[in-house]
Amino acid sequence: MAMFHASALCDQRSGATIAMVAPGGTGKTTVVRALGAGRGYVTDETVAVAADRSIAPYCKPLSLRRAGWLQPKDEVAPQALGLLPPAVAPWLAGLVLLRRDRAEGSPVEVEDVELLDALVLLAPETSSLAALDRPLHLLAEMVESVGGLRRVRFHYAADLEPVVREVLGRSR
């Protein structure tokens, strides 16, 4: 099973799931909170993807930052934020690499990432790659099976709605 440091939402009818990979503190939880209503909350921490692209939900409480950057986080139940667990089995429909680096007012930028670059960008955001059999092959096959990795640069989480909607509209 490949483990990504990522947040994930799924379509409640098909199970199509978007895994939004990013380092800590860069907006994964914010995106889930902004776009999770009406969708299945899969996780905001770790996305576990099996070889057949099925995903094991990890609907943990969300860790919300307090006003000061150095303040501790609050753990909040998903239901308290209007987030519901998946109603159907989630499966990986798309992988995006989040980069919250756009200036306020800038449009979202979506770019396709070449496979070799995708492996280099995804590897630091995975767990236990070395424990897997042929880890780079597995990761490459996973990336290719969902149409490649896309890097998404944004400022406001809500602006990712078209990207999320497109991926969740995919069929298996």
Protein backbone atom coordinates (compact mmCIF):
# COMPACT_ATOMS: atom_id res chain seq x y z
CA MET A 1 0.00 0.00 0.00
CA ALA A 2 1.38 3.43 -0.95
CA MET A 3 0.95 6.08 1.73
CA PHE A 4 0.83 9.77 0.77
CA HIS A 5 0.92 12.80 3.05
CA ALA A 6 -2.28 14.15 1.57
CA SER A 7 -5.87 15.15 2.06
CA ALA A 8 -8.65 13.47 0.09
CA LEU A 9 -12.27 13.97 -0.83
CA CYS A 10 -14.50 11.59 -2.78
CA ASP A 11 -17.68 11.64 -4.79
CA GLN A 12 -20.42 10.14 -2.61
CA ARG A 13 -21.97 8.16 -5.49
CA SER A 14 -19.00 6.81 -7.46
CA GLY A 15 -16.20 6.83 -4.87
CA ALA A 16 -13.90 8.73 -7.26
CA THR A 17 -11.31 10.33 -5.00
CA ILE A 18 -8.84 13.15 -5.37
CA ALA A 19 -5.64 12.86 -3.33
CA MET A 20 -4.16 16.31 -2.69
CA VAL A 21 -0.51 15.77 -1.77
CA ALA A 22 1.47 18.48 0.05
CA PRO A 23 3.86 19.11 2.93
CA GLY A 24 2.42 19.96 6.35
CA GLY A 25 1.08 23.45 6.87
CA THR A 26 0.42 24.18 3.20
CA GLY A 27 -3.37 24.01 2.97
CA LYS A 28 -4.57 20.39 2.85
CA THR A 29 -6.96 20.79 5.78
CA THR A 30 -8.09 24.19 4.53
CA VAL A 31 -9.01 22.68 1.15
CA VAL A 32 -10.96 19.85 2.80
CA ARG A 33 -12.89 22.34 4.94
CA ALA A 34 -13.60 24.64 1.99
CA LEU A 35 -14.64 21.97 -0.51
CA GLY A 36 -15.78 19.00 1.58
CA ALA A 37 -19.48 19.80 1.95
CA GLY A 38 -21.58 17.23 0.06
CA ARG A 39 -18.53 15.08 -0.61
CA GLY A 40 -17.00 12.20 1.28
CA TYR A 41 -14.29 13.19 3.73
CA VAL A 42 -11.57 10.56 3.28
CA THR A 43 -8.72 12.20 5.22
CA ASP A 44 -6.66 15.33 5.74
CA GLU A 45 -3.48 13.50 6.75
CA THR A 46 -2.62 10.18 5.09
CA VAL A 47 -4.02 8.63 1.92
CA ALA A 48 -3.39 4.87 1.76
CA VAL A 49 -3.71 3.57 -1.82
CA ALA A 50 -3.66 -0.15 -2.67
CA ALA A 51 -2.32 -1.54 -5.94
CA ASP A 52 -5.88 -1.71 -7.33
CA ARG A 53 -6.25 2.06 -6.51
CA SER A 54 -8.71 1.42 -3.67
CA ILE A 55 -8.27 3.77 -0.72
CA ALA A 56 -8.60 3.03 2.97
CA PRO A 57 -10.43 6.01 4.54
CA TYR A 58 -8.76 7.69 7.52
CA CYS A 59 -11.48 10.08 8.71
CA LYS A 60 -9.52 11.47 11.62
CA PRO A 61 -10.37 14.70 13.44
CA LEU A 62 -9.05 17.74 11.61
CA SER A 63 -6.11 19.60 13.15
CA LEU A 64 -7.03 23.29 12.94
CA ARG A 65 -4.47 26.00 13.53
CA ARG A 66 -5.25 28.68 16.07
CA ALA A 67 -4.76 32.37 15.25
CA GLY A 68 -1.04 32.48 16.06
CA TRP A 69 1.26 30.38 13.88
CA LEU A 70 3.13 29.05 16.92
CA GLN A 71 -0.05 28.22 18.82
CA PRO A 72 -1.11 24.58 19.30
CA LYS A 73 -3.72 23.10 16.98
CA ASP A 74 -7.27 22.17 17.93
CA GLU A 75 -8.60 18.72 17.02
CA VAL A 76 -12.13 19.01 15.62
CA ALA A 77 -14.45 16.15 14.69
CA PRO A 78 -15.26 16.07 10.96
CA GLN A 79 -19.01 16.04 11.67
CA ALA A 80 -18.67 19.31 13.62
CA LEU A 81 -17.43 20.88 10.37
CA GLY A 82 -20.18 19.35 8.23
CA LEU A 83 -17.89 16.66 6.79
CA LEU A 84 -19.28 13.16 6.27
CA PRO A 85 -17.42 9.87 5.80
CA PRO A 86 -17.47 8.24 2.37
CA ALA A 87 -20.83 6.62 1.56
CA VAL A 88 -19.15 4.25 -0.94
CA ALA A 89 -15.68 2.72 -1.25
CA PRO A 90 -13.18 5.40 -2.32
CA TRP A 91 -10.75 4.77 -5.20
CA LEU A 92 -7.98 6.95 -6.57
CA ALA A 93 -9.21 9.00 -9.53
CA GLY A 94 -6.55 11.72 -9.47
CA LEU A 95 -3.39 12.95 -7.82
CA VAL A 96 -2.59 16.63 -7.43
CA LEU A 97 0.36 18.29 -5.78
CA LEU A 98 -0.78 21.36 -3.86
CA ARG A 99 1.36 24.48 -3.79
CA ARG A 100 -0.17 27.37 -1.89
CA ASP A 101 2.23 29.91 -3.35
CA ARG A 102 0.11 32.25 -5.50
CA ALA A 103 -0.41 35.87 -4.55
CA GLU A 104 -3.84 36.97 -3.38
CA GLY A 105 -6.05 37.60 -6.40
CA SER A 106 -3.96 35.40 -8.70
CA PRO A 107 -5.77 32.70 -10.64
CA VAL A 108 -5.21 29.01 -9.94
CA GLU A 109 -2.45 27.55 -12.08
CA VAL A 110 -2.66 23.88 -13.07
CA GLU A 111 0.24 22.19 -14.80
CA ASP A 112 0.89 18.62 -15.87
CA VAL A 113 4.06 17.16 -14.37
CA GLU A 114 6.31 14.82 -16.38
CA LEU A 115 6.52 11.32 -14.88
CA LEU A 116 10.14 11.50 -13.69
CA ASP A 117 9.50 14.88 -12.07
CA ALA A 118 6.31 13.47 -10.53
CA LEU A 119 8.29 10.69 -8.84
CA VAL A 120 10.81 13.20 -7.48
CA LEU A 121 8.03 15.48 -6.17
CA LEU A 122 5.89 12.71 -4.68
CA ALA A 123 8.62 10.63 -3.02
CA PRO A 124 9.21 13.04 -0.08
CA GLU A 125 5.46 13.02 0.63
CA THR A 126 5.20 9.24 0.91
CA SER A 127 5.70 6.79 3.76
CA SER A 128 7.30 3.37 3.58
CA LEU A 129 8.30 3.51 -0.08
CA ALA A 130 11.45 1.53 0.68
CA ALA A 131 9.35 -1.24 2.24
CA LEU A 132 7.38 -1.79 -0.98
CA ASP A 133 8.35 -4.17 -3.74
CA ARG A 134 9.62 -2.13 -6.74
CA PRO A 135 8.49 1.18 -5.15
CA LEU A 136 9.31 3.50 -8.04
CA HIS A 137 7.57 1.20 -10.51
CA LEU A 138 4.52 1.06 -8.25
CA LEU A 139 4.48 4.84 -7.86
CA ALA A 140 4.94 5.37 -11.61
CA GLU A 141 2.13 2.94 -12.44
CA MET A 142 -0.14 4.68 -9.94
CA VAL A 143 0.59 8.13 -11.40
CA GLU A 144 0.06 6.92 -14.95
CA SER A 145 -3.16 5.08 -14.04
CA VAL A 146 -4.81 8.37 -13.03
CA GLY A 147 -3.62 10.34 -16.05
CA GLY A 148 -0.51 11.78 -14.43
CA LEU A 149 0.28 14.18 -11.63
CA ARG A 150 -0.86 17.78 -11.79
CA ARG A 151 0.75 20.55 -9.76
CA VAL A 152 -1.87 23.06 -8.61
CA ARG A 153 -0.72 26.49 -7.47
CA PHE A 154 -3.31 28.55 -5.58
CA HIS A 155 -3.98 31.14 -2.91
CA TYR A 156 -7.59 30.53 -1.86
CA ALA A 157 -8.71 26.95 -1.23
CA ALA A 158 -12.17 27.59 -2.67
CA ASP A 159 -10.58 28.37 -6.05
CA LEU A 160 -9.68 24.67 -6.39
CA GLU A 161 -13.35 23.73 -6.89
CA PRO A 162 -13.06 23.20 -10.69
CA VAL A 163 -10.04 20.91 -10.28
CA VAL A 164 -11.73 18.86 -7.55
CA ARG A 165 -15.02 18.67 -9.48
CA GLU A 166 -13.23 17.46 -12.64
CA VAL A 167 -11.36 14.67 -10.85
CA LEU A 168 -14.41 13.54 -8.84
CA GLY A 169 -16.39 13.33 -12.09
CA ARG A 170 -14.12 10.63 -13.49
CA SER A 171 -15.28 7.05 -13.90
CA ARG A 172 -13.32 3.94 -13.10
